[in-house]
All heavy atoms as atom14 arrays in JSON, in Angstrom:
{
  "sequence": "ELDFATDKLTQKFEYHSKTLASQAAQDELWAAVL",
  "atom14_mask": [
    [1, 1, 1, 1, 1, 1, 1, 1, 1, 0, 0, 0, 0, 0],
    [1, 1, 1, 1, 1, 1, 1, 1, 0, 0, 0, 0, 0, 0],
    [1, 1, 1, 1, 1, 1, 1, 1, 0, 0, 0, 0, 0, 0],
    [1, 1, 1, 1, 1, 1, 1, 1, 1, 1, 1, 0, 0, 0],
    [1, 1, 1, 1, 1, 0, 0, 0, 0, 0, 0, 0, 0, 0],
    [1, 1, 1, 1, 1, 1, 1, 0, 0, 0, 0, 0, 0, 0],
    [1, 1, 1, 1, 1, 1, 1, 1, 0, 0, 0, 0, 0, 0],
    [1, 1, 1, 1, 1, 1, 1, 1, 1, 0, 0, 0, 0, 0],
    [1, 1, 1, 1, 1, 1, 1, 1, 0, 0, 0, 0, 0, 0],
    [1, 1, 1, 1, 1, 1, 1, 0, 0, 0, 0, 0, 0, 0],
    [1, 1, 1, 1, 1, 1, 1, 1, 1, 0, 0, 0, 0, 0],
    [1, 1, 1, 1, 1, 1, 1, 1, 1, 0, 0, 0, 0, 0],
    [1, 1, 1, 1, 1, 1, 1, 1, 1, 1, 1, 0, 0, 0],
    [1, 1, 1, 1, 1, 1, 1, 1, 1, 0, 0, 0, 0, 0],
    [1, 1, 1, 1, 1, 1, 1, 1, 1, 1, 1, 1, 0, 0],
    [1, 1, 1, 1, 1, 1, 1, 1, 1, 1, 0, 0, 0, 0],
    [1, 1, 1, 1, 1, 1, 0, 0, 0, 0, 0, 0, 0, 0],
    [1, 1, 1, 1, 1, 1, 1, 1, 1, 0, 0, 0, 0, 0],
    [1, 1, 1, 1, 1, 1, 1, 0, 0, 0, 0, 0, 0, 0],
    [1, 1, 1, 1, 1, 1, 1, 1, 0, 0, 0, 0, 0, 0],
    [1, 1, 1, 1, 1, 0, 0, 0, 0, 0, 0, 0, 0, 0],
    [1, 1, 1, 1, 1, 1, 0, 0, 0, 0, 0, 0, 0, 0],
    [1, 1, 1, 1, 1, 1, 1, 1, 1, 0, 0, 0, 0, 0],
    [1, 1, 1, 1, 1, 0, 0, 0, 0, 0, 0, 0, 0, 0],
    [1, 1, 1, 1, 1, 0, 0, 0, 0, 0, 0, 0, 0, 0],
    [1, 1, 1, 1, 1, 1, 1, 1, 1, 0, 0, 0, 0, 0],
    [1, 1, 1, 1, 1, 1, 1, 1, 0, 0, 0, 0, 0, 0],
    [1, 1, 1, 1, 1, 1, 1, 1, 1, 0, 0, 0, 0, 0],
    [1, 1, 1, 1, 1, 1, 1, 1, 0, 0, 0, 0, 0, 0],
    [1, 1, 1, 1, 1, 1, 1, 1, 1, 1, 1, 1, 1, 1],
    [1, 1, 1, 1, 1, 0, 0, 0, 0, 0, 0, 0, 0, 0],
    [1, 1, 1, 1, 1, 0, 0, 0, 0, 0, 0, 0, 0, 0],
    [1, 1, 1, 1, 1, 1, 1, 0, 0, 0, 0, 0, 0, 0],
    [1, 1, 1, 1, 1, 1, 1, 1, 0, 0, 0, 0, 0, 0]
  ],
  "atom14_positions": [
    [[0.75, -1.2, -0.01], [0.1, 0.04, 0.03], [0.92, 1.32, -0.04], [0.58, 2.25, -0.72], [-0.89, 0.01, 1.25], [-1.94, -1.07, 1.18], [-2.99, -1.01, 2.36], [-2.61, -0.22, 3.3], [-3.77, -1.86, 2.45], [0.0, 0.0, 0.0], [0.0, 0.0, 0.0], [0.0, 0.0, 0.0], [0.0, 0.0, 0.0], [0.0, 0.0, 0.0]],
    [[1.94, 1.27, 0.86], [2.88, 2.32, 0.86], [3.56, 2.55, -0.58], [3.65, 3.68, -0.94], [3.98, 2.14, 1.97], [3.51, 2.35, 3.35], [4.55, 1.88, 4.26], [2.99, 3.76, 3.63], [0.0, 0.0, 0.0], [0.0, 0.0, 0.0], [0.0, 0.0, 0.0], [0.0, 0.0, 0.0], [0.0, 0.0, 0.0], [0.0, 0.0, 0.0]],
    [[3.98, 1.41, -1.15], [4.62, 1.51, -2.5], [3.62, 2.18, -3.49], [4.01, 3.05, -4.24], [5.07, 0.07, -2.92], [6.24, -0.25, -2.22], [7.02, 0.52, -1.61], [6.46, -1.56, -2.26], [0.0, 0.0, 0.0], [0.0, 0.0, 0.0], [0.0, 0.0, 0.0], [0.0, 0.0, 0.0], [0.0, 0.0, 0.0], [0.0, 0.0, 0.0]],
    [[2.39, 1.7, -3.39], [1.4, 2.26, -4.38], [1.15, 3.72, -4.17], [1.05, 4.45, -5.05], [0.08, 1.37, -4.16], [-1.09, 1.91, -5.05], [-1.12, 1.62, -6.48], [-2.1, 2.77, -4.56], [-2.14, 2.0, -7.21], [-3.12, 3.16, -5.39], [-3.16, 2.81, -6.7], [0.0, 0.0, 0.0], [0.0, 0.0, 0.0], [0.0, 0.0, 0.0]],
    [[1.01, 4.08, -2.84], [0.8, 5.55, -2.49], [1.97, 6.32, -2.95], [1.91, 7.49, -3.41], [0.53, 5.66, -0.95], [0.0, 0.0, 0.0], [0.0, 0.0, 0.0], [0.0, 0.0, 0.0], [0.0, 0.0, 0.0], [0.0, 0.0, 0.0], [0.0, 0.0, 0.0], [0.0, 0.0, 0.0], [0.0, 0.0, 0.0], [0.0, 0.0, 0.0]],
    [[3.16, 5.75, -2.7], [4.42, 6.53, -3.04], [4.49, 6.67, -4.59], [4.9, 7.79, -5.03], [5.76, 5.79, -2.65], [5.66, 5.55, -1.26], [6.92, 6.45, -3.07], [0.0, 0.0, 0.0], [0.0, 0.0, 0.0], [0.0, 0.0, 0.0], [0.0, 0.0, 0.0], [0.0, 0.0, 0.0], [0.0, 0.0, 0.0], [0.0, 0.0, 0.0]],
    [[4.15, 5.61, -5.33], [4.08, 5.82, -6.8], [3.18, 6.91, -7.22], [3.43, 7.62, -8.18], [3.72, 4.41, -7.45], [4.85, 3.42, -7.36], [6.0, 3.84, -7.08], [4.53, 2.21, -7.42], [0.0, 0.0, 0.0], [0.0, 0.0, 0.0], [0.0, 0.0, 0.0], [0.0, 0.0, 0.0], [0.0, 0.0, 0.0], [0.0, 0.0, 0.0]],
    [[1.97, 6.93, -6.63], [0.95, 7.89, -6.94], [1.51, 9.29, -6.77], [1.36, 10.22, -7.45], [-0.37, 7.72, -6.13], [-1.23, 6.51, -6.6], [-1.77, 6.9, -7.95], [-2.73, 5.85, -8.39], [-3.37, 6.19, -9.79], [0.0, 0.0, 0.0], [0.0, 0.0, 0.0], [0.0, 0.0, 0.0], [0.0, 0.0, 0.0], [0.0, 0.0, 0.0]],
    [[2.11, 9.47, -5.45], [2.64, 10.73, -5.12], [3.78, 11.25, -6.12], [3.99, 12.28, -6.5], [3.23, 10.73, -3.63], [2.16, 10.73, -2.67], [2.85, 10.46, -1.21], [1.35, 12.03, -2.6], [0.0, 0.0, 0.0], [0.0, 0.0, 0.0], [0.0, 0.0, 0.0], [0.0, 0.0, 0.0], [0.0, 0.0, 0.0], [0.0, 0.0, 0.0]],
    [[4.6, 10.16, -6.43], [5.77, 10.47, -7.33], [5.2, 10.92, -8.7], [5.69, 11.83, -9.37], [6.62, 9.22, -7.62], [7.12, 8.73, -6.27], [7.84, 9.52, -8.58], [0.0, 0.0, 0.0], [0.0, 0.0, 0.0], [0.0, 0.0, 0.0], [0.0, 0.0, 0.0], [0.0, 0.0, 0.0], [0.0, 0.0, 0.0], [0.0, 0.0, 0.0]],
    [[4.15, 10.15, -9.23], [3.54, 10.61, -10.55], [2.91, 11.95, -10.44], [3.14, 12.79, -11.34], [2.39, 9.57, -10.93], [2.97, 8.19, -11.21], [1.87, 7.22, -11.48], [0.64, 7.6, -11.4], [2.23, 6.03, -11.6], [0.0, 0.0, 0.0], [0.0, 0.0, 0.0], [0.0, 0.0, 0.0], [0.0, 0.0, 0.0], [0.0, 0.0, 0.0]],
    [[2.25, 12.35, -9.28], [1.72, 13.61, -9.22], [2.84, 14.59, -9.21], [2.65, 15.76, -9.76], [0.77, 13.72, -7.98], [-0.49, 12.94, -8.04], [-1.29, 13.1, -6.8], [-2.63, 12.33, -6.8], [-3.45, 12.51, -5.61], [0.0, 0.0, 0.0], [0.0, 0.0, 0.0], [0.0, 0.0, 0.0], [0.0, 0.0, 0.0], [0.0, 0.0, 0.0]],
    [[3.79, 14.35, -8.41], [4.95, 15.39, -8.35], [5.6, 15.54, -9.65], [5.83, 16.71, -10.09], [6.04, 14.73, -7.3], [7.22, 15.67, -7.17], [7.19, 16.81, -6.5], [8.39, 15.28, -7.86], [8.28, 17.64, -6.36], [9.47, 16.12, -7.78], [9.51, 17.3, -6.98], [0.0, 0.0, 0.0], [0.0, 0.0, 0.0], [0.0, 0.0, 0.0]],
    [[5.9, 14.48, -10.35], [6.45, 14.64, -11.74], [5.54, 15.42, -12.71], [5.96, 16.32, -13.47], [6.7, 13.27, -12.21], [7.84, 12.5, -11.64], [8.03, 11.15, -12.19], [7.11, 10.67, -12.92], [9.08, 10.47, -11.84], [0.0, 0.0, 0.0], [0.0, 0.0, 0.0], [0.0, 0.0, 0.0], [0.0, 0.0, 0.0], [0.0, 0.0, 0.0]],
    [[4.19, 15.22, -12.63], [3.19, 15.86, -13.36], [3.28, 17.39, -13.06], [3.31, 18.24, -13.98], [1.9, 15.29, -13.22], [0.75, 16.15, -13.89], [0.52, 16.11, -15.31], [0.02, 17.06, -13.22], [-0.44, 16.78, -15.88], [-0.98, 17.83, -13.86], [-1.17, 17.72, -15.12], [-2.15, 18.45, -15.8], [0.0, 0.0, 0.0], [0.0, 0.0, 0.0]],
    [[3.14, 17.79, -11.81], [3.3, 19.08, -11.35], [4.5, 19.81, -11.69], [4.55, 20.96, -12.12], [2.91, 19.28, -9.91], [1.51, 18.91, -9.52], [0.32, 19.61, -10.11], [0.92, 18.04, -8.7], [-0.67, 19.15, -9.61], [-0.42, 18.14, -8.71], [0.0, 0.0, 0.0], [0.0, 0.0, 0.0], [0.0, 0.0, 0.0], [0.0, 0.0, 0.0]],
    [[5.67, 19.1, -11.6], [6.93, 19.56, -11.91], [7.02, 19.92, -13.43], [7.57, 21.01, -13.76], [8.11, 18.59, -11.54], [8.05, 18.27, -10.14], [0.0, 0.0, 0.0], [0.0, 0.0, 0.0], [0.0, 0.0, 0.0], [0.0, 0.0, 0.0], [0.0, 0.0, 0.0], [0.0, 0.0, 0.0], [0.0, 0.0, 0.0], [0.0, 0.0, 0.0]],
    [[6.57, 19.05, -14.22], [6.55, 19.15, -15.73], [5.55, 20.47, -15.99], [5.96, 21.26, -16.82], [6.15, 17.94, -16.37], [7.08, 16.81, -16.37], [6.61, 15.6, -17.16], [7.56, 14.56, -17.12], [6.97, 13.31, -17.82], [0.0, 0.0, 0.0], [0.0, 0.0, 0.0], [0.0, 0.0, 0.0], [0.0, 0.0, 0.0], [0.0, 0.0, 0.0]],
    [[4.43, 20.51, -15.34], [3.58, 21.61, -15.68], [4.14, 23.0, -15.23], [4.06, 23.95, -15.95], [2.22, 21.39, -14.74], [1.57, 20.21, -15.25], [1.18, 22.4, -15.07], [0.0, 0.0, 0.0], [0.0, 0.0, 0.0], [0.0, 0.0, 0.0], [0.0, 0.0, 0.0], [0.0, 0.0, 0.0], [0.0, 0.0, 0.0], [0.0, 0.0, 0.0]],
    [[4.71, 22.94, -14.07], [5.49, 24.18, -13.61], [6.61, 24.61, -14.58], [6.79, 25.77, -14.91], [5.93, 24.02, -12.13], [4.89, 23.97, -11.07], [5.44, 23.61, -9.77], [4.13, 25.35, -11.05], [0.0, 0.0, 0.0], [0.0, 0.0, 0.0], [0.0, 0.0, 0.0], [0.0, 0.0, 0.0], [0.0, 0.0, 0.0], [0.0, 0.0, 0.0]],
    [[7.35, 23.52, -14.95], [8.5, 23.86, -15.88], [7.98, 24.4, -17.17], [8.54, 25.26, -17.72], [9.28, 22.53, -16.12], [0.0, 0.0, 0.0], [0.0, 0.0, 0.0], [0.0, 0.0, 0.0], [0.0, 0.0, 0.0], [0.0, 0.0, 0.0], [0.0, 0.0, 0.0], [0.0, 0.0, 0.0], [0.0, 0.0, 0.0], [0.0, 0.0, 0.0]],
    [[6.88, 23.79, -17.69], [6.36, 24.14, -19.01], [5.81, 25.66, -18.87], [5.97, 26.55, -19.78], [5.16, 23.3, -19.37], [4.51, 23.77, -20.52], [0.0, 0.0, 0.0], [0.0, 0.0, 0.0], [0.0, 0.0, 0.0], [0.0, 0.0, 0.0], [0.0, 0.0, 0.0], [0.0, 0.0, 0.0], [0.0, 0.0, 0.0], [0.0, 0.0, 0.0]],
    [[5.01, 25.96, -17.69], [4.59, 27.28, -17.52], [5.73, 28.28, -17.38], [5.64, 29.4, -17.96], [3.73, 27.23, -16.22], [3.06, 28.6, -16.02], [2.04, 29.0, -17.14], [1.22, 28.25, -17.46], [2.25, 30.23, -17.72], [0.0, 0.0, 0.0], [0.0, 0.0, 0.0], [0.0, 0.0, 0.0], [0.0, 0.0, 0.0], [0.0, 0.0, 0.0]],
    [[6.76, 27.95, -16.7], [7.94, 28.77, -16.6], [8.6, 29.07, -17.87], [8.9, 30.25, -18.21], [8.88, 28.19, -15.55], [0.0, 0.0, 0.0], [0.0, 0.0, 0.0], [0.0, 0.0, 0.0], [0.0, 0.0, 0.0], [0.0, 0.0, 0.0], [0.0, 0.0, 0.0], [0.0, 0.0, 0.0], [0.0, 0.0, 0.0], [0.0, 0.0, 0.0]],
    [[8.59, 27.99, -18.74], [9.34, 28.11, -20.01], [8.43, 29.01, -20.89], [8.87, 29.91, -21.64], [9.46, 26.78, -20.7], [0.0, 0.0, 0.0], [0.0, 0.0, 0.0], [0.0, 0.0, 0.0], [0.0, 0.0, 0.0], [0.0, 0.0, 0.0], [0.0, 0.0, 0.0], [0.0, 0.0, 0.0], [0.0, 0.0, 0.0], [0.0, 0.0, 0.0]],
    [[7.07, 28.96, -20.83], [6.14, 29.75, -21.65], [6.3, 31.27, -21.11], [6.25, 32.08, -21.92], [4.68, 29.26, -21.46], [4.47, 27.93, -22.13], [3.0, 27.58, -21.92], [2.27, 28.16, -21.39], [2.76, 26.26, -22.34], [0.0, 0.0, 0.0], [0.0, 0.0, 0.0], [0.0, 0.0, 0.0], [0.0, 0.0, 0.0], [0.0, 0.0, 0.0]],
    [[6.3, 31.51, -19.74], [6.47, 32.85, -19.27], [7.7, 33.41, -19.75], [7.79, 34.63, -20.15], [6.32, 32.81, -17.79], [4.97, 32.49, -17.23], [4.05, 32.47, -18.04], [4.9, 32.03, -16.09], [0.0, 0.0, 0.0], [0.0, 0.0, 0.0], [0.0, 0.0, 0.0], [0.0, 0.0, 0.0], [0.0, 0.0, 0.0], [0.0, 0.0, 0.0]],
    [[8.83, 32.64, -19.74], [10.21, 33.14, -20.11], [10.03, 33.52, -21.63], [10.67, 34.44, -22.04], [11.2, 32.09, -19.86], [12.6, 32.5, -20.13], [13.62, 31.49, -19.77], [13.33, 30.62, -19.02], [14.8, 31.59, -20.3], [0.0, 0.0, 0.0], [0.0, 0.0, 0.0], [0.0, 0.0, 0.0], [0.0, 0.0, 0.0], [0.0, 0.0, 0.0]],
    [[9.34, 32.61, -22.39], [9.31, 32.86, -23.87], [8.55, 34.17, -24.09], [9.0, 35.1, -25.06], [8.59, 31.7, -24.58], [8.44, 31.8, -26.01], [9.73, 32.08, -26.83], [7.62, 30.6, -26.59], [0.0, 0.0, 0.0], [0.0, 0.0, 0.0], [0.0, 0.0, 0.0], [0.0, 0.0, 0.0], [0.0, 0.0, 0.0], [0.0, 0.0, 0.0]],
    [[7.46, 34.35, -23.5], [6.68, 35.53, -23.63], [7.52, 36.84, -23.19], [7.47, 37.8, -23.98], [5.36, 35.53, -22.83], [4.32, 34.88, -23.62], [3.77, 33.64, -23.65], [3.47, 35.57, -24.71], [2.8, 33.43, -24.49], [2.5, 34.63, -25.18], [3.36, 36.83, -25.2], [1.65, 34.87, -26.16], [2.38, 37.08, -26.25], [1.64, 36.19, -26.63]],
    [[8.14, 36.67, -22.19], [8.96, 37.93, -21.71], [10.02, 38.23, -22.72], [10.25, 39.43, -22.94], [9.6, 37.36, -20.32], [0.0, 0.0, 0.0], [0.0, 0.0, 0.0], [0.0, 0.0, 0.0], [0.0, 0.0, 0.0], [0.0, 0.0, 0.0], [0.0, 0.0, 0.0], [0.0, 0.0, 0.0], [0.0, 0.0, 0.0], [0.0, 0.0, 0.0]],
    [[10.63, 37.14, -23.22], [11.72, 37.42, -24.26], [11.17, 38.04, -25.57], [11.7, 38.9, -26.01], [12.42, 36.01, -24.65], [0.0, 0.0, 0.0], [0.0, 0.0, 0.0], [0.0, 0.0, 0.0], [0.0, 0.0, 0.0], [0.0, 0.0, 0.0], [0.0, 0.0, 0.0], [0.0, 0.0, 0.0], [0.0, 0.0, 0.0], [0.0, 0.0, 0.0]],
    [[9.96, 37.46, -25.94], [9.44, 38.1, -27.18], [8.97, 39.56, -27.03], [9.21, 40.43, -27.78], [8.07, 37.33, -27.48], [7.31, 38.03, -28.63], [8.46, 35.9, -27.98], [0.0, 0.0, 0.0], [0.0, 0.0, 0.0], [0.0, 0.0, 0.0], [0.0, 0.0, 0.0], [0.0, 0.0, 0.0], [0.0, 0.0, 0.0], [0.0, 0.0, 0.0]],
    [[8.47, 39.94, -25.79], [8.1, 41.24, -25.64], [9.13, 42.16, -25.34], [9.05, 43.4, -25.46], [7.0, 41.17, -24.3], [5.7, 40.59, -24.61], [4.95, 40.54, -23.31], [4.91, 41.23, -25.59], [0.0, 0.0, 0.0], [0.0, 0.0, 0.0], [0.0, 0.0, 0.0], [0.0, 0.0, 0.0], [0.0, 0.0, 0.0], [0.0, 0.0, 0.0]]
  ]
}
């Protein structure tokens, strides 16, 4: 159960990390264009 919960948390963390990284890259791109 702990392994399953850890996997879920890891997946959520990776997803949020990618989302934040993508958003940061988009913000940086917009700032550079402007």
